Amino acid sequence: MAQKTIDVQGMTCAHCKSSVEGALSSLDGVSKADVNLDENNVNVEYDDSKVTDSSMNDAIEEQGYDVAGK
């Protein structure tokens, strides 16, 4: 299981947290997504043979947030 922290811009509230965590958790291969609003990031545990960085970034951006440094 791989782990990654993704910097996400634009998250400000519990709805933002829920949206990003839900979008990532729905991807096949993501076992855990935990947003930290204070740090503006999300920690993801995933199977890198099933999900790519690009697909995780796309899932976040489809919720209306920007992925920093991609």
N, C-alpha and C. Protein backbone atom coordinates (compact mmCIF):
# COMPACT_ATOMS: atom_id res chain seq x y z
N MET A 1 0.85 -1.18 0.00
CA MET A 1 0.00 0.00 0.00
C MET A 1 0.90 1.25 0.00
N ALA A 2 0.65 2.13 -0.94
CA ALA A 2 1.41 3.37 -1.04
C ALA A 2 0.68 4.48 -0.29
N GLN A 3 1.43 5.51 0.09
CA GLN A 3 0.85 6.68 0.75
C GLN A 3 1.35 7.93 0.05
N LYS A 4 0.47 8.93 0.02
CA LYS A 4 0.83 10.19 -0.64
C LYS A 4 0.06 11.32 0.00
N THR A 5 0.69 12.48 0.09
CA THR A 5 0.00 13.69 0.52
C THR A 5 -0.14 14.60 -0.68
N ILE A 6 -1.37 15.00 -0.96
CA ILE A 6 -1.67 15.86 -2.11
C ILE A 6 -2.09 17.23 -1.59
N ASP A 7 -1.41 18.28 -2.03
CA ASP A 7 -1.78 19.64 -1.66
C ASP A 7 -2.97 20.08 -2.50
N VAL A 8 -4.03 20.54 -1.81
CA VAL A 8 -5.27 20.92 -2.48
C VAL A 8 -5.64 22.34 -2.08
N GLN A 9 -5.88 23.18 -3.06
CA GLN A 9 -6.25 24.57 -2.81
C GLN A 9 -7.76 24.75 -2.93
N GLY A 10 -8.33 25.56 -2.05
CA GLY A 10 -9.74 25.91 -2.16
C GLY A 10 -10.65 25.23 -1.15
N MET A 11 -10.12 24.32 -0.34
CA MET A 11 -10.95 23.65 0.66
C MET A 11 -11.05 24.52 1.91
N THR A 12 -12.29 24.77 2.37
CA THR A 12 -12.46 25.65 3.53
C THR A 12 -13.40 25.12 4.60
N CYS A 13 -14.16 24.05 4.31
CA CYS A 13 -15.20 23.65 5.26
C CYS A 13 -15.41 22.14 5.27
N ALA A 14 -16.33 21.70 6.11
CA ALA A 14 -16.63 20.28 6.23
C ALA A 14 -17.17 19.71 4.92
N HIS A 15 -17.93 20.51 4.17
CA HIS A 15 -18.43 20.03 2.87
C HIS A 15 -17.27 19.78 1.91
N CYS A 16 -16.29 20.66 1.92
CA CYS A 16 -15.10 20.49 1.07
C CYS A 16 -14.40 19.18 1.44
N LYS A 17 -14.20 18.98 2.72
CA LYS A 17 -13.55 17.77 3.22
C LYS A 17 -14.30 16.53 2.75
N SER A 18 -15.60 16.54 2.91
CA SER A 18 -16.43 15.40 2.52
C SER A 18 -16.37 15.15 1.01
N SER A 19 -16.40 16.21 0.23
CA SER A 19 -16.38 16.09 -1.23
C SER A 19 -15.08 15.45 -1.71
N VAL A 20 -13.96 15.92 -1.21
CA VAL A 20 -12.66 15.42 -1.65
C VAL A 20 -12.45 13.98 -1.16
N GLU A 21 -12.76 13.74 0.10
CA GLU A 21 -12.60 12.37 0.63
C GLU A 21 -13.49 11.39 -0.12
N GLY A 22 -14.71 11.80 -0.40
CA GLY A 22 -15.64 10.92 -1.11
C GLY A 22 -15.19 10.63 -2.53
N ALA A 23 -14.72 11.66 -3.22
CA ALA A 23 -14.26 11.48 -4.60
C ALA A 23 -13.07 10.53 -4.66
N LEU A 24 -12.14 10.68 -3.74
CA LEU A 24 -10.97 9.81 -3.74
C LEU A 24 -11.33 8.39 -3.31
N SER A 25 -12.16 8.27 -2.28
CA SER A 25 -12.53 6.96 -1.77
C SER A 25 -13.31 6.13 -2.79
N SER A 26 -13.97 6.81 -3.73
CA SER A 26 -14.75 6.09 -4.74
C SER A 26 -13.86 5.48 -5.84
N LEU A 27 -12.60 5.88 -5.88
CA LEU A 27 -11.69 5.32 -6.88
C LEU A 27 -11.26 3.92 -6.49
N ASP A 28 -11.27 3.01 -7.45
CA ASP A 28 -10.81 1.65 -7.20
C ASP A 28 -9.32 1.70 -6.88
N GLY A 29 -8.95 1.19 -5.72
CA GLY A 29 -7.55 1.17 -5.30
C GLY A 29 -7.25 2.12 -4.15
N VAL A 30 -8.13 3.09 -3.89
CA VAL A 30 -7.92 4.00 -2.76
C VAL A 30 -8.58 3.39 -1.53
N SER A 31 -7.78 3.14 -0.49
CA SER A 31 -8.31 2.53 0.72
C SER A 31 -8.64 3.57 1.78
N LYS A 32 -7.98 4.74 1.74
CA LYS A 32 -8.23 5.76 2.75
C LYS A 32 -7.87 7.14 2.20
N ALA A 33 -8.71 8.12 2.49
CA ALA A 33 -8.43 9.51 2.14
C ALA A 33 -8.81 10.36 3.34
N ASP A 34 -7.87 11.16 3.82
CA ASP A 34 -8.10 11.95 5.03
C ASP A 34 -7.66 13.40 4.77
N VAL A 35 -8.64 14.30 4.66
CA VAL A 35 -8.37 15.71 4.41
C VAL A 35 -7.99 16.41 5.71
N ASN A 36 -6.96 17.26 5.62
CA ASN A 36 -6.57 18.14 6.72
C ASN A 36 -6.80 19.57 6.23
N LEU A 37 -7.90 20.19 6.68
CA LEU A 37 -8.24 21.54 6.22
C LEU A 37 -7.20 22.57 6.65
N ASP A 38 -6.61 22.41 7.84
CA ASP A 38 -5.62 23.37 8.33
C ASP A 38 -4.35 23.37 7.47
N GLU A 39 -4.01 22.20 6.95
CA GLU A 39 -2.80 22.07 6.13
C GLU A 39 -3.08 22.18 4.63
N ASN A 40 -4.37 22.25 4.25
CA ASN A 40 -4.77 22.29 2.83
C ASN A 40 -4.22 21.10 2.05
N ASN A 41 -4.40 19.89 2.62
CA ASN A 41 -3.95 18.71 1.90
C ASN A 41 -4.82 17.51 2.24
N VAL A 42 -4.58 16.44 1.52
CA VAL A 42 -5.26 15.17 1.76
C VAL A 42 -4.22 14.06 1.75
N ASN A 43 -4.26 13.23 2.78
CA ASN A 43 -3.38 12.06 2.86
C ASN A 43 -4.14 10.87 2.31
N VAL A 44 -3.53 10.18 1.35
CA VAL A 44 -4.20 9.09 0.65
C VAL A 44 -3.38 7.81 0.81
N GLU A 45 -4.07 6.72 1.15
CA GLU A 45 -3.47 5.39 1.11
C GLU A 45 -4.10 4.68 -0.07
N TYR A 46 -3.26 4.09 -0.94
CA TYR A 46 -3.78 3.52 -2.17
C TYR A 46 -2.89 2.41 -2.70
N ASP A 47 -3.44 1.63 -3.60
CA ASP A 47 -2.73 0.58 -4.30
C ASP A 47 -2.27 1.16 -5.63
N ASP A 48 -0.96 1.40 -5.76
CA ASP A 48 -0.47 2.08 -6.96
C ASP A 48 -0.52 1.20 -8.22
N SER A 49 -0.94 -0.05 -8.07
CA SER A 49 -1.15 -0.88 -9.27
C SER A 49 -2.57 -0.72 -9.80
N LYS A 50 -3.44 -0.04 -9.02
CA LYS A 50 -4.83 0.14 -9.42
C LYS A 50 -5.21 1.59 -9.71
N VAL A 51 -4.52 2.53 -9.10
CA VAL A 51 -4.89 3.95 -9.26
C VAL A 51 -3.63 4.78 -9.50
N THR A 52 -3.75 5.79 -10.35
CA THR A 52 -2.60 6.64 -10.68
C THR A 52 -2.72 8.01 -10.01
N ASP A 53 -1.60 8.70 -9.93
CA ASP A 53 -1.60 10.07 -9.41
C ASP A 53 -2.55 10.94 -10.23
N SER A 54 -2.51 10.75 -11.54
CA SER A 54 -3.34 11.55 -12.43
C SER A 54 -4.82 11.34 -12.15
N SER A 55 -5.23 10.10 -11.92
CA SER A 55 -6.65 9.84 -11.67
C SER A 55 -7.08 10.42 -10.32
N MET A 56 -6.18 10.42 -9.34
CA MET A 56 -6.52 11.04 -8.05
C MET A 56 -6.63 12.56 -8.21
N ASN A 57 -5.69 13.15 -8.94
CA ASN A 57 -5.75 14.60 -9.18
C ASN A 57 -7.03 14.98 -9.92
N ASP A 58 -7.38 14.20 -10.93
CA ASP A 58 -8.60 14.46 -11.71
C ASP A 58 -9.84 14.38 -10.83
N ALA A 59 -9.89 13.39 -9.93
CA ALA A 59 -11.05 13.24 -9.04
C ALA A 59 -11.21 14.46 -8.14
N ILE A 60 -10.09 15.00 -7.67
CA ILE A 60 -10.12 16.20 -6.81
C ILE A 60 -10.59 17.39 -7.64
N GLU A 61 -10.01 17.56 -8.81
CA GLU A 61 -10.35 18.72 -9.65
C GLU A 61 -11.79 18.67 -10.13
N GLU A 62 -12.34 17.48 -10.32
CA GLU A 62 -13.75 17.37 -10.72
C GLU A 62 -14.68 17.87 -9.63
N GLN A 63 -14.19 17.93 -8.40
CA GLN A 63 -14.99 18.47 -7.29
C GLN A 63 -14.86 19.99 -7.19
N GLY A 64 -14.01 20.59 -8.03
CA GLY A 64 -13.88 22.05 -8.07
C GLY A 64 -12.69 22.60 -7.31
N TYR A 65 -11.75 21.75 -6.95
CA TYR A 65 -10.57 22.20 -6.19
C TYR A 65 -9.33 22.09 -7.07
N ASP A 66 -8.30 22.83 -6.72
CA ASP A 66 -7.06 22.83 -7.48
C ASP A 66 -6.00 22.00 -6.75
N VAL A 67 -5.31 21.15 -7.51
CA VAL A 67 -4.20 20.37 -6.98
C VAL A 67 -2.93 21.19 -7.22
N ALA A 68 -2.22 21.49 -6.13
CA ALA A 68 -1.00 22.30 -6.22
C ALA A 68 0.18 21.42 -6.61
N GLY A 69 1.04 21.95 -7.48
CA GLY A 69 2.29 21.30 -7.81
C GLY A 69 2.17 19.98 -8.55
N LYS A 70 1.13 19.81 -9.31
CA LYS A 70 0.98 18.53 -10.03
C LYS A 70 1.83 18.48 -11.27
